[in-house]
Amino acid sequence: MSRTRAPRTETPLRENVKPLPKTADLLRTCADRGLAVVLATSGQEADLEWMLPAIGAGDAVTGATTSADVDQGKPEPDLLTTAMRDHGLDPQRTVVVGDTVWDVEAAQRAGLPGIPAGPVLTVSVALPPGCARRSGSSPSRPRSGRG
């Protein structure tokens, strides 16, 4: 079944969107340390044109996944699992930082740790080798397919 979305020509109030303090610093620090920073947004691909400058560290973002890439948006885990697959992120070394309860819920459904960070920040960060999550840091539920 295919999805049809009405095109959005304008995002109300987007000029008023401001990142949380230190958002750009966090993203640049992650990138400087060799971590992949992937934006997983329920917005459309065209929204990246204003979102990345609004965040203030678009140069640190190595990739993005948008609503056009998935069938279901957050809180379903599709955006996060697609971001991991498409950008080569290891689920055992991925952390989700999100700006809404839906981001944290999507992270939980994807079996990833989710960190609520307040408005205007949703990124997935791949941890460096040797820095795997501690067991028990994600919800205990069976994973499908791969172990």
N, C-alpha and C. Protein backbone atom coordinates (compact mmCIF):
# COMPACT_ATOMS: atom_id res chain seq x y z
N MET A 1 0.84 -1.16 0.00
CA MET A 1 0.00 0.00 0.00
C MET A 1 0.90 1.23 0.00
N SER A 2 0.64 2.16 -0.90
CA SER A 2 1.49 3.34 -0.95
C SER A 2 0.86 4.48 -0.16
N ARG A 3 1.72 5.32 0.34
CA ARG A 3 1.27 6.46 1.12
C ARG A 3 1.25 7.68 0.23
N THR A 4 0.29 8.53 0.45
CA THR A 4 0.25 9.81 -0.24
C THR A 4 0.26 10.90 0.80
N ARG A 5 1.16 11.82 0.66
CA ARG A 5 1.26 12.94 1.58
C ARG A 5 1.03 14.23 0.81
N ALA A 6 0.29 15.11 1.42
CA ALA A 6 0.11 16.42 0.82
C ALA A 6 1.41 17.20 0.93
N PRO A 7 1.81 17.87 -0.14
CA PRO A 7 3.05 18.64 -0.04
C PRO A 7 2.88 19.82 0.89
N ARG A 8 3.92 20.06 1.69
CA ARG A 8 3.92 21.23 2.57
C ARG A 8 4.72 22.31 1.89
N THR A 9 4.14 23.47 1.78
CA THR A 9 4.85 24.55 1.13
C THR A 9 5.46 25.51 2.14
N GLU A 10 5.01 25.46 3.38
CA GLU A 10 5.51 26.37 4.39
C GLU A 10 5.45 25.70 5.75
N THR A 11 6.46 25.89 6.55
CA THR A 11 6.45 25.39 7.91
C THR A 11 6.23 26.57 8.83
N PRO A 12 5.04 26.66 9.44
CA PRO A 12 4.75 27.80 10.31
C PRO A 12 5.76 27.91 11.45
N LEU A 13 6.14 29.11 11.75
CA LEU A 13 6.99 29.43 12.88
C LEU A 13 8.42 28.89 12.79
N ARG A 14 8.82 28.36 11.66
CA ARG A 14 10.16 27.77 11.59
C ARG A 14 11.26 28.79 11.85
N GLU A 15 11.00 30.06 11.54
CA GLU A 15 11.98 31.09 11.82
C GLU A 15 12.21 31.27 13.33
N ASN A 16 11.25 30.81 14.12
CA ASN A 16 11.34 30.95 15.57
C ASN A 16 11.98 29.73 16.24
N VAL A 17 12.31 28.72 15.48
CA VAL A 17 12.91 27.51 16.05
C VAL A 17 14.36 27.81 16.41
N LYS A 18 14.68 27.56 17.66
CA LYS A 18 16.03 27.77 18.16
C LYS A 18 16.50 26.49 18.84
N PRO A 19 17.76 26.13 18.67
CA PRO A 19 18.27 24.93 19.34
C PRO A 19 18.42 25.18 20.84
N LEU A 20 18.41 24.09 21.58
CA LEU A 20 18.74 24.20 22.99
C LEU A 20 20.16 24.70 23.14
N PRO A 21 20.45 25.38 24.24
CA PRO A 21 21.84 25.80 24.47
C PRO A 21 22.78 24.60 24.41
N LYS A 22 23.88 24.76 23.79
CA LYS A 22 24.95 23.75 23.69
C LYS A 22 24.65 22.64 22.69
N THR A 23 23.53 22.72 21.95
CA THR A 23 23.21 21.69 20.95
C THR A 23 24.33 21.59 19.92
N ALA A 24 24.71 22.73 19.35
CA ALA A 24 25.76 22.73 18.34
C ALA A 24 27.07 22.20 18.91
N ASP A 25 27.37 22.57 20.15
CA ASP A 25 28.60 22.08 20.80
C ASP A 25 28.57 20.56 20.94
N LEU A 26 27.42 20.03 21.36
CA LEU A 26 27.29 18.58 21.52
C LEU A 26 27.52 17.87 20.19
N LEU A 27 26.87 18.34 19.14
CA LEU A 27 26.99 17.68 17.84
C LEU A 27 28.41 17.78 17.29
N ARG A 28 29.02 18.94 17.43
CA ARG A 28 30.40 19.10 16.94
C ARG A 28 31.39 18.27 17.74
N THR A 29 31.18 18.18 19.04
CA THR A 29 32.05 17.35 19.87
C THR A 29 31.94 15.89 19.45
N CYS A 30 30.72 15.43 19.23
CA CYS A 30 30.54 14.04 18.77
C CYS A 30 31.26 13.84 17.44
N ALA A 31 31.05 14.75 16.49
CA ALA A 31 31.68 14.62 15.18
C ALA A 31 33.20 14.69 15.29
N ASP A 32 33.72 15.59 16.12
CA ASP A 32 35.16 15.72 16.31
C ASP A 32 35.78 14.46 16.89
N ARG A 33 35.00 13.71 17.62
CA ARG A 33 35.50 12.46 18.22
C ARG A 33 35.27 11.26 17.30
N GLY A 34 34.85 11.53 16.07
CA GLY A 34 34.70 10.47 15.09
C GLY A 34 33.37 9.74 15.16
N LEU A 35 32.40 10.30 15.86
CA LEU A 35 31.10 9.65 15.96
C LEU A 35 30.21 10.08 14.80
N ALA A 36 29.37 9.17 14.35
CA ALA A 36 28.39 9.50 13.31
C ALA A 36 27.21 10.20 13.98
N VAL A 37 26.81 11.33 13.43
CA VAL A 37 25.66 12.07 13.93
C VAL A 37 24.61 12.06 12.83
N VAL A 38 23.51 11.36 13.08
CA VAL A 38 22.47 11.19 12.07
C VAL A 38 21.16 11.76 12.60
N LEU A 39 20.58 12.66 11.84
CA LEU A 39 19.31 13.26 12.20
C LEU A 39 18.19 12.32 11.75
N ALA A 40 17.28 11.99 12.65
CA ALA A 40 16.13 11.14 12.33
C ALA A 40 14.88 11.96 12.63
N THR A 41 14.30 12.56 11.60
CA THR A 41 13.20 13.49 11.79
C THR A 41 11.91 12.99 11.15
N SER A 42 10.82 13.27 11.80
CA SER A 42 9.52 12.98 11.23
C SER A 42 9.14 14.02 10.18
N GLY A 43 9.97 15.04 10.04
CA GLY A 43 9.74 16.06 9.02
C GLY A 43 10.06 15.52 7.64
N GLN A 44 9.78 16.34 6.66
CA GLN A 44 10.06 15.98 5.27
C GLN A 44 11.49 16.34 4.90
N GLU A 45 11.98 15.76 3.82
CA GLU A 45 13.35 16.03 3.39
C GLU A 45 13.59 17.52 3.16
N ALA A 46 12.61 18.21 2.60
CA ALA A 46 12.75 19.65 2.37
C ALA A 46 12.93 20.43 3.66
N ASP A 47 12.42 19.89 4.77
CA ASP A 47 12.57 20.56 6.07
C ASP A 47 14.02 20.62 6.53
N LEU A 48 14.86 19.74 6.01
CA LEU A 48 16.27 19.75 6.40
C LEU A 48 16.93 21.07 6.01
N GLU A 49 16.40 21.71 4.97
CA GLU A 49 16.98 22.98 4.51
C GLU A 49 16.91 24.06 5.58
N TRP A 50 15.92 24.02 6.44
CA TRP A 50 15.86 25.00 7.52
C TRP A 50 16.24 24.40 8.87
N MET A 51 16.04 23.07 9.04
CA MET A 51 16.38 22.45 10.32
C MET A 51 17.88 22.47 10.60
N LEU A 52 18.67 22.09 9.61
CA LEU A 52 20.12 22.02 9.84
C LEU A 52 20.70 23.38 10.20
N PRO A 53 20.37 24.46 9.47
CA PRO A 53 20.86 25.77 9.92
C PRO A 53 20.30 26.17 11.29
N ALA A 54 19.06 25.79 11.58
CA ALA A 54 18.47 26.14 12.88
C ALA A 54 19.22 25.46 14.02
N ILE A 55 19.67 24.24 13.80
CA ILE A 55 20.43 23.52 14.83
C ILE A 55 21.76 24.21 15.07
N GLY A 56 22.34 24.77 14.01
CA GLY A 56 23.58 25.51 14.16
C GLY A 56 24.83 24.67 14.02
N ALA A 57 24.67 23.40 13.66
CA ALA A 57 25.84 22.53 13.49
C ALA A 57 25.59 21.53 12.37
N GLY A 58 24.97 22.02 11.31
CA GLY A 58 24.68 21.14 10.18
C GLY A 58 25.91 20.46 9.63
N ASP A 59 27.08 21.11 9.77
CA ASP A 59 28.33 20.52 9.31
C ASP A 59 28.71 19.27 10.10
N ALA A 60 28.17 19.11 11.29
CA ALA A 60 28.48 17.94 12.12
C ALA A 60 27.58 16.75 11.80
N VAL A 61 26.47 17.01 11.12
CA VAL A 61 25.50 15.95 10.81
C VAL A 61 25.99 15.19 9.59
N THR A 62 26.17 13.89 9.76
CA THR A 62 26.71 13.06 8.68
C THR A 62 25.63 12.43 7.82
N GLY A 63 24.38 12.48 8.25
CA GLY A 63 23.29 11.90 7.47
C GLY A 63 21.96 12.23 8.09
N ALA A 64 20.91 11.92 7.34
CA ALA A 64 19.56 12.17 7.84
C ALA A 64 18.58 11.15 7.29
N THR A 65 17.58 10.87 8.08
CA THR A 65 16.46 10.02 7.69
C THR A 65 15.21 10.83 7.96
N THR A 66 14.29 10.86 6.98
CA THR A 66 13.08 11.66 7.11
C THR A 66 11.84 10.80 6.94
N SER A 67 10.68 11.44 7.07
CA SER A 67 9.41 10.72 6.93
C SER A 67 9.27 10.07 5.56
N ALA A 68 9.94 10.59 4.55
CA ALA A 68 9.86 10.00 3.21
C ALA A 68 10.53 8.63 3.15
N ASP A 69 11.38 8.32 4.12
CA ASP A 69 12.14 7.06 4.11
C ASP A 69 11.42 5.91 4.81
N VAL A 70 10.29 6.19 5.45
CA VAL A 70 9.63 5.17 6.27
C VAL A 70 8.12 5.17 6.04
N ASP A 71 7.49 4.07 6.46
CA ASP A 71 6.04 3.97 6.37
C ASP A 71 5.35 4.57 7.58
N GLN A 72 5.98 4.46 8.75
CA GLN A 72 5.37 4.97 9.97
C GLN A 72 6.37 5.83 10.72
N GLY A 73 5.89 6.97 11.20
CA GLY A 73 6.73 7.88 11.96
C GLY A 73 6.76 7.51 13.43
N LYS A 74 7.42 8.32 14.18
CA LYS A 74 7.52 8.12 15.62
C LYS A 74 6.12 8.20 16.23
N PRO A 75 5.81 7.40 17.21
CA PRO A 75 6.71 6.65 18.08
C PRO A 75 7.10 5.27 17.56
N GLU A 76 6.65 4.89 16.36
CA GLU A 76 7.13 3.63 15.80
C GLU A 76 8.64 3.75 15.59
N PRO A 77 9.36 2.64 15.62
CA PRO A 77 10.82 2.71 15.55
C PRO A 77 11.38 2.85 14.14
N ASP A 78 10.52 2.93 13.13
CA ASP A 78 10.97 2.89 11.73
C ASP A 78 12.05 3.92 11.40
N LEU A 79 11.89 5.17 11.84
CA LEU A 79 12.89 6.19 11.52
C LEU A 79 14.27 5.81 12.06
N LEU A 80 14.28 5.26 13.26
CA LEU A 80 15.56 4.92 13.89
C LEU A 80 16.18 3.69 13.28
N THR A 81 15.38 2.66 13.03
CA THR A 81 15.94 1.44 12.44
C THR A 81 16.39 1.71 11.00
N THR A 82 15.65 2.55 10.28
CA THR A 82 16.06 2.92 8.92
C THR A 82 17.33 3.75 8.95
N ALA A 83 17.44 4.69 9.89
CA ALA A 83 18.65 5.50 10.02
C ALA A 83 19.86 4.61 10.30
N MET A 84 19.69 3.65 11.20
CA MET A 84 20.81 2.76 11.51
C MET A 84 21.22 1.96 10.28
N ARG A 85 20.23 1.39 9.59
CA ARG A 85 20.52 0.58 8.40
C ARG A 85 21.17 1.42 7.30
N ASP A 86 20.55 2.54 6.98
CA ASP A 86 21.02 3.35 5.85
C ASP A 86 22.35 4.04 6.10
N HIS A 87 22.67 4.27 7.36
CA HIS A 87 23.91 5.01 7.67
C HIS A 87 24.96 4.14 8.38
N GLY A 88 24.73 2.83 8.38
CA GLY A 88 25.72 1.90 8.91
C GLY A 88 25.98 2.02 10.39
N LEU A 89 24.95 2.35 11.17
CA LEU A 89 25.13 2.48 12.62
C LEU A 89 24.93 1.14 13.30
N ASP A 90 25.80 0.82 14.22
CA ASP A 90 25.71 -0.41 14.99
C ASP A 90 24.70 -0.20 16.13
N PRO A 91 23.61 -0.97 16.16
CA PRO A 91 22.61 -0.80 17.22
C PRO A 91 23.19 -0.93 18.63
N GLN A 92 24.25 -1.71 18.79
CA GLN A 92 24.87 -1.86 20.10
C GLN A 92 25.69 -0.64 20.50
N ARG A 93 25.91 0.27 19.55
CA ARG A 93 26.70 1.47 19.83
C ARG A 93 25.96 2.73 19.42
N THR A 94 24.63 2.67 19.45
CA THR A 94 23.83 3.82 19.04
C THR A 94 22.99 4.32 20.21
N VAL A 95 22.97 5.63 20.39
CA VAL A 95 22.20 6.29 21.43
C VAL A 95 21.31 7.32 20.73
N VAL A 96 20.07 7.43 21.19
CA VAL A 96 19.14 8.40 20.61
C VAL A 96 18.96 9.55 21.60
N VAL A 97 19.17 10.76 21.11
CA VAL A 97 18.90 11.97 21.89
C VAL A 97 17.71 12.63 21.20
N GLY A 98 16.61 12.81 21.95
CA GLY A 98 15.40 13.31 21.31
C GLY A 98 14.76 14.48 22.02
N ASP A 99 13.92 15.19 21.28
CA ASP A 99 13.29 16.39 21.83
C ASP A 99 11.83 16.18 22.24
N THR A 100 11.31 14.98 22.06
CA THR A 100 9.92 14.72 22.45
C THR A 100 9.80 13.36 23.11
N VAL A 101 8.69 13.14 23.75
CA VAL A 101 8.40 11.84 24.33
C VAL A 101 8.35 10.78 23.24
N TRP A 102 7.95 11.19 22.02
CA TRP A 102 7.84 10.23 20.92
C TRP A 102 9.22 9.73 20.49
N ASP A 103 10.23 10.57 20.60
CA ASP A 103 11.59 10.15 20.27
C ASP A 103 12.08 9.09 21.24
N VAL A 104 11.83 9.32 22.52
CA VAL A 104 12.26 8.37 23.54
C VAL A 104 11.48 7.06 23.41
N GLU A 105 10.19 7.16 23.13
CA GLU A 105 9.40 5.94 22.94
C GLU A 105 9.85 5.17 21.71
N ALA A 106 10.15 5.87 20.62
CA ALA A 106 10.66 5.20 19.42
C ALA A 106 11.99 4.51 19.72
N ALA A 107 12.84 5.16 20.50
CA ALA A 107 14.12 4.55 20.88
C ALA A 107 13.88 3.26 21.66
N GLN A 108 12.96 3.31 22.61
CA GLN A 108 12.66 2.11 23.40
C GLN A 108 12.14 1.00 22.50
N ARG A 109 11.26 1.33 21.59
CA ARG A 109 10.70 0.32 20.68
C ARG A 109 11.77 -0.27 19.76
N ALA A 110 12.81 0.53 19.47
CA ALA A 110 13.91 0.06 18.63
C ALA A 110 14.98 -0.67 19.45
N GLY A 111 14.79 -0.71 20.78
CA GLY A 111 15.77 -1.37 21.64
C GLY A 111 17.01 -0.53 21.88
N LEU A 112 16.86 0.79 21.78
CA LEU A 112 17.99 1.71 21.95
C LEU A 112 17.79 2.57 23.18
N PRO A 113 18.87 2.99 23.81
CA PRO A 113 18.70 3.95 24.92
C PRO A 113 18.28 5.30 24.34
N GLY A 114 17.30 5.92 24.99
CA GLY A 114 16.83 7.23 24.55
C GLY A 114 17.04 8.26 25.64
N ILE A 115 17.60 9.39 25.26
CA ILE A 115 17.87 10.47 26.21
C ILE A 115 17.01 11.66 25.85
N PRO A 116 16.08 12.04 26.74
CA PRO A 116 15.27 13.23 26.44
C PRO A 116 16.11 14.50 26.61
N ALA A 117 16.06 15.36 25.61
CA ALA A 117 16.91 16.55 25.65
C ALA A 117 16.15 17.85 25.49
N GLY A 118 14.83 17.82 25.44
CA GLY A 118 14.08 19.04 25.24
C GLY A 118 13.92 19.36 23.77
N PRO A 119 13.37 20.51 23.44
CA PRO A 119 13.00 20.81 22.06
C PRO A 119 14.17 21.01 21.10
N VAL A 120 13.92 20.69 19.87
CA VAL A 120 14.78 20.95 18.72
C VAL A 120 16.10 20.19 18.70
N LEU A 121 16.05 18.92 19.03
CA LEU A 121 17.25 18.10 18.88
C LEU A 121 16.85 16.64 18.81
N THR A 122 17.08 16.01 17.70
CA THR A 122 16.88 14.59 17.57
C THR A 122 18.03 14.05 16.72
N VAL A 123 18.94 13.36 17.33
CA VAL A 123 20.07 12.81 16.60
C VAL A 123 20.34 11.39 17.09
N SER A 124 20.92 10.60 16.23
CA SER A 124 21.42 9.30 16.62
C SER A 124 22.94 9.38 16.56
N VAL A 125 23.61 8.92 17.58
CA VAL A 125 25.06 9.01 17.66
C VAL A 125 25.62 7.61 17.82
N ALA A 126 26.56 7.24 16.96
CA ALA A 126 27.22 5.93 17.07
C ALA A 126 28.40 6.06 18.02
N LEU A 127 28.45 5.21 19.03
CA LEU A 127 29.55 5.23 19.98
C LEU A 127 30.78 4.59 19.36
N PRO A 128 31.98 4.99 19.77
CA PRO A 128 33.19 4.42 19.19
C PRO A 128 33.37 2.96 19.62
N PRO A 129 34.18 2.20 18.84
CA PRO A 129 34.44 0.80 19.21
C PRO A 129 34.96 0.72 20.64
N GLY A 130 34.57 -0.33 21.34
CA GLY A 130 35.01 -0.53 22.71
C GLY A 130 34.18 0.24 23.71
N CYS A 131 33.18 0.92 23.24
CA CYS A 131 32.35 1.73 24.13
C CYS A 131 30.90 1.26 24.02
N ALA A 132 30.71 -0.05 24.08
CA ALA A 132 29.37 -0.63 23.95
C ALA A 132 28.53 -0.30 25.17
N ARG A 133 27.22 -0.27 24.96
CA ARG A 133 26.31 -0.02 26.07
C ARG A 133 26.44 -1.16 27.07
N ARG A 134 26.21 -0.83 28.34
CA ARG A 134 26.18 -1.87 29.36
C ARG A 134 24.93 -2.70 29.18
N SER A 135 25.02 -3.98 29.45
CA SER A 135 23.83 -4.81 29.35
C SER A 135 22.80 -4.30 30.35
N GLY A 136 21.55 -4.36 29.92
CA GLY A 136 20.47 -3.88 30.77
C GLY A 136 20.16 -2.42 30.58
N SER A 137 20.88 -1.73 29.67
CA SER A 137 20.62 -0.32 29.47
C SER A 137 19.50 -0.07 28.48
N SER A 138 19.02 -1.13 27.86
CA SER A 138 17.87 -0.99 26.98
C SER A 138 16.77 -1.92 27.46
N PRO A 139 15.56 -1.69 26.98
CA PRO A 139 14.47 -2.55 27.44
C PRO A 139 14.76 -4.02 27.13
N SER A 140 14.41 -4.90 28.04
CA SER A 140 14.65 -6.31 27.79
C SER A 140 13.46 -6.88 27.05
N ARG A 141 13.67 -7.08 25.77
CA ARG A 141 12.67 -7.71 24.93
C ARG A 141 13.40 -8.42 23.82
N PRO A 142 12.82 -9.46 23.30
CA PRO A 142 13.53 -10.21 22.26
C PRO A 142 13.73 -9.37 21.01
N ARG A 143 14.88 -9.52 20.39
CA ARG A 143 15.15 -8.85 19.14
C ARG A 143 14.77 -9.80 18.01
N SER A 144 14.24 -9.24 16.95
CA SER A 144 13.85 -10.08 15.84
C SER A 144 15.03 -10.28 14.89
N GLY A 145 15.11 -11.44 14.33
CA GLY A 145 16.09 -11.73 13.29
C GLY A 145 17.50 -11.89 13.80
N ARG A 146 18.18 -10.78 14.03
CA ARG A 146 19.61 -10.83 14.37
C ARG A 146 19.82 -10.78 15.87
N GLY A 147 20.93 -11.29 16.33
CA GLY A 147 21.21 -11.32 17.76
C GLY A 147 22.20 -10.38 18.21
